[in-house]
Amino acid sequence: NGYELYQTFTIDIRRVPTLEALSVSGDGTQMKLDYENTTFSYAVTTTSTTVDVVPTAMSEGSAITVAGKAAISGEAINVTLADCQQDPNGVYQVPVVVTAPNGQSSTYMIAVTKVDPVQVVLIAPNTEVTVKLVNAAGAVIAPYVTQGPAHIYRVVPNQEYTYTVTANGCYHATAKLTPVEKLTNIKTAAPK
């Protein structure tokens, strides 16, 4: 045969607008999101009636909206859950839309479940130690009340937390907990 055939094609490559980063927090506490720019659906649970969403555009010049409100790349925008649509299960839908200058857009959807908080009381061995409670995202949860050795927290039920008790800045005791009841009292281990 020995024939060769050449054809010329024009390929139009367009970058799909994406986010470089996306984070969500409620009551000042970061939620675990495991963000990847090619994953467009996320689910979080909060005890708050509002969430702060921080979208960061991959490319300069992209426009971002969060729940229909204009957002600035890299800055938090507060979203009132009652203003968002709910699915049939009562889960709030928070759309994050990033639009490139050429008009193409991508939508990331954050499904937010609002739950009642569980009260957790961490009872330290004494008042000389410090107690720190951390969620699965690595965010420190501040107690809403401290009474002597008792540190009282309001947290999302059925999620894993880690507490650390520290004495003299260098002796630590750490344990994991998953609160499920309306009130959970835990005597913390003493640092050694």
Protein backbone atom coordinates (compact mmCIF):
# COMPACT_ATOMS: atom_id res chain seq x y z
CA ASN A 1 0.00 0.00 0.00
CA GLY A 2 2.55 2.62 1.04
CA TYR A 3 0.04 5.48 1.22
CA GLU A 4 0.06 7.97 4.04
CA LEU A 5 -2.84 10.21 4.89
CA TYR A 6 -2.45 13.41 6.89
CA GLN A 7 -5.28 15.42 8.39
CA THR A 8 -5.15 18.64 10.34
CA PHE A 9 -7.38 19.13 13.34
CA THR A 10 -7.90 22.18 15.47
CA ILE A 11 -8.26 21.36 19.14
CA ASP A 12 -9.90 23.89 21.41
CA ILE A 13 -8.72 23.30 25.00
CA ARG A 14 -10.64 25.10 27.72
CA ARG A 15 -9.84 24.91 31.37
CA VAL A 16 -12.87 24.05 33.45
CA PRO A 17 -13.13 26.66 36.19
CA THR A 18 -12.31 25.10 39.53
CA LEU A 19 -11.55 26.06 43.08
CA GLU A 20 -8.05 25.72 44.49
CA ALA A 21 -9.42 25.41 48.02
CA LEU A 22 -12.76 25.21 49.78
CA SER A 23 -13.39 25.21 53.52
CA VAL A 24 -16.46 25.33 55.76
CA SER A 25 -16.79 26.25 59.42
CA GLY A 26 -19.66 26.64 61.86
CA ASP A 27 -19.52 28.58 65.13
CA GLY A 28 -15.87 29.29 64.34
CA THR A 29 -14.93 25.62 64.14
CA GLN A 30 -13.45 24.18 60.95
CA MET A 31 -15.31 21.14 59.54
CA LYS A 32 -13.67 18.16 57.87
CA LEU A 33 -14.13 18.47 54.11
CA ASP A 34 -11.22 16.58 52.42
CA TYR A 35 -11.39 19.01 49.51
CA GLU A 36 -10.24 18.00 46.02
CA ASN A 37 -10.91 20.33 43.08
CA THR A 38 -12.37 17.53 40.94
CA THR A 39 -14.90 16.48 43.60
CA PHE A 40 -18.04 18.56 43.32
CA SER A 41 -20.21 17.28 46.23
CA TYR A 42 -19.47 17.50 49.95
CA ALA A 43 -21.41 16.82 53.14
CA VAL A 44 -20.88 18.40 56.56
CA THR A 45 -22.77 18.43 59.84
CA THR A 46 -23.07 21.40 62.16
CA THR A 47 -24.91 22.56 65.25
CA SER A 48 -24.91 26.14 63.95
CA THR A 49 -27.65 27.96 62.04
CA THR A 50 -25.00 29.58 59.83
CA VAL A 51 -21.82 28.42 58.14
CA ASP A 52 -18.81 30.31 56.87
CA VAL A 53 -17.64 29.17 53.44
CA VAL A 54 -14.19 30.13 52.12
CA PRO A 55 -13.86 29.45 48.36
CA THR A 56 -10.51 30.13 46.67
CA ALA A 57 -10.49 30.27 42.87
CA MET A 58 -7.83 28.35 40.93
CA SER A 59 -7.51 31.17 38.37
CA GLU A 60 -7.49 34.92 38.78
CA GLY A 61 -10.44 36.72 37.27
CA SER A 62 -12.95 33.99 38.17
CA ALA A 63 -16.21 35.08 39.76
CA ILE A 64 -17.55 33.11 42.73
CA THR A 65 -21.00 32.95 44.31
CA VAL A 66 -21.93 31.09 47.48
CA ALA A 67 -25.63 30.38 47.97
CA GLY A 68 -26.31 33.09 45.38
CA LYS A 69 -24.18 35.76 47.11
CA ALA A 70 -21.10 37.21 45.45
CA ALA A 71 -17.93 36.01 47.19
CA ILE A 72 -14.32 37.15 47.15
CA SER A 73 -11.74 34.45 46.48
CA GLY A 74 -10.02 33.40 49.71
CA GLU A 75 -12.42 35.25 52.01
CA ALA A 76 -15.18 33.85 54.22
CA ILE A 77 -18.79 34.46 53.35
CA ASN A 78 -21.44 33.80 55.98
CA VAL A 79 -24.41 31.72 54.86
CA THR A 80 -27.64 31.51 56.86
CA LEU A 81 -28.91 27.96 56.43
CA ALA A 82 -32.55 29.04 56.62
CA ASP A 83 -31.96 31.03 53.39
CA CYS A 84 -30.82 27.88 51.51
CA GLN A 85 -32.91 25.27 49.74
CA GLN A 86 -33.43 21.96 51.52
CA ASP A 87 -33.59 18.51 50.00
CA PRO A 88 -36.48 16.13 50.94
CA ASN A 89 -34.47 14.97 54.01
CA GLY A 90 -34.12 18.50 55.37
CA VAL A 91 -30.44 18.83 54.38
CA TYR A 92 -29.50 22.36 53.37
CA GLN A 93 -27.94 22.78 49.92
CA VAL A 94 -25.18 25.42 49.66
CA PRO A 95 -24.05 25.84 46.03
CA VAL A 96 -20.63 27.33 45.34
CA VAL A 97 -20.37 28.45 41.71
CA VAL A 98 -17.06 29.47 40.13
CA THR A 99 -17.29 31.19 36.73
CA ALA A 100 -14.33 31.80 34.42
CA PRO A 101 -14.03 35.04 32.41
CA ASN A 102 -15.15 33.11 29.29
CA GLY A 103 -18.50 32.32 30.96
CA GLN A 104 -17.89 28.64 31.73
CA SER A 105 -18.82 27.63 35.25
CA SER A 106 -18.57 24.76 37.71
CA THR A 107 -20.77 24.16 40.74
CA TYR A 108 -19.60 22.63 44.02
CA MET A 109 -22.45 21.55 46.28
CA ILE A 110 -22.11 21.48 50.06
CA ALA A 111 -24.87 19.50 51.79
CA VAL A 112 -25.19 20.82 55.35
CA THR A 113 -27.03 18.82 57.99
CA LYS A 114 -28.09 20.86 61.02
CA VAL A 115 -28.28 18.86 64.26
CA ASP A 116 -28.80 19.64 67.92
CA PRO A 117 -25.54 19.74 69.89
CA VAL A 118 -24.47 17.13 72.40
CA GLN A 119 -23.01 18.41 75.63
CA VAL A 120 -19.69 16.86 76.60
CA VAL A 121 -18.14 17.49 79.99
CA LEU A 122 -14.45 16.65 80.23
CA ILE A 123 -13.51 16.45 83.89
CA ALA A 124 -9.77 16.98 84.32
CA PRO A 125 -7.85 15.41 87.22
CA ASN A 126 -7.24 18.93 88.64
CA THR A 127 -7.25 22.60 87.67
CA GLU A 128 -3.48 22.67 87.08
CA VAL A 129 -3.76 20.91 83.70
CA THR A 130 -4.92 22.20 80.32
CA VAL A 131 -7.58 20.39 78.32
CA LYS A 132 -7.88 20.60 74.54
CA LEU A 133 -10.66 19.04 72.42
CA VAL A 134 -10.06 18.65 68.67
CA ASN A 135 -12.48 17.58 65.91
CA ALA A 136 -11.71 15.33 62.91
CA ALA A 137 -10.62 18.38 60.85
CA GLY A 138 -7.96 19.16 63.45
CA ALA A 139 -9.77 22.26 64.70
CA VAL A 140 -9.65 23.04 68.41
CA ILE A 141 -13.11 23.26 69.98
CA ALA A 142 -13.39 25.97 72.62
CA PRO A 143 -15.34 25.10 75.76
CA TYR A 144 -18.40 27.26 76.21
CA VAL A 145 -18.05 26.96 80.01
CA THR A 146 -15.20 26.00 82.33
CA GLN A 147 -16.07 25.34 85.96
CA GLY A 148 -13.07 24.23 88.02
CA PRO A 149 -11.77 21.02 86.47
CA ALA A 150 -14.89 20.62 84.30
CA HIS A 151 -14.64 21.77 80.68
CA ILE A 152 -18.07 21.84 79.04
CA TYR A 153 -18.39 21.63 75.25
CA ARG A 154 -21.28 21.57 72.76
CA VAL A 155 -20.36 19.31 69.85
CA VAL A 156 -21.82 17.49 66.85
CA PRO A 157 -23.07 14.04 67.91
CA ASN A 158 -21.73 10.82 66.39
CA GLN A 159 -18.46 12.42 65.26
CA GLU A 160 -15.03 11.51 66.54
CA TYR A 161 -13.11 13.95 68.72
CA THR A 162 -9.74 13.72 70.45
CA TYR A 163 -8.96 15.29 73.79
CA THR A 164 -5.51 15.99 75.19
CA VAL A 165 -4.79 16.79 78.82
CA THR A 166 -1.42 18.48 79.40
CA ALA A 167 0.45 19.03 82.67
CA ASN A 168 3.51 21.28 82.98
CA GLY A 169 3.57 21.78 79.21
CA CYS A 170 5.16 18.42 78.51
CA TYR A 171 3.16 15.56 80.06
CA HIS A 172 0.16 14.47 77.99
CA ALA A 173 -2.77 12.07 78.11
CA THR A 174 -4.82 11.65 74.92
CA ALA A 175 -7.98 9.73 74.11
CA LYS A 176 -10.67 9.62 71.42
CA LEU A 177 -14.38 9.97 72.06
CA THR A 178 -17.57 9.88 70.00
CA PRO A 179 -20.43 11.51 71.92
CA VAL A 180 -23.88 10.09 71.23
CA GLU A 181 -25.98 10.95 74.27
CA LYS A 182 -27.46 14.31 75.23
CA LEU A 183 -24.96 14.64 78.08
CA THR A 184 -21.63 12.86 78.23
CA ASN A 185 -19.40 13.15 81.31
CA ILE A 186 -15.85 11.88 80.86
CA LYS A 187 -13.16 11.78 83.51
CA THR A 188 -9.99 12.45 81.59
CA ALA A 189 -6.82 10.46 82.10
CA ALA A 190 -4.09 12.09 84.14
CA PRO A 191 -0.93 13.05 82.23
CA LYS A 192 2.15 11.04 83.19
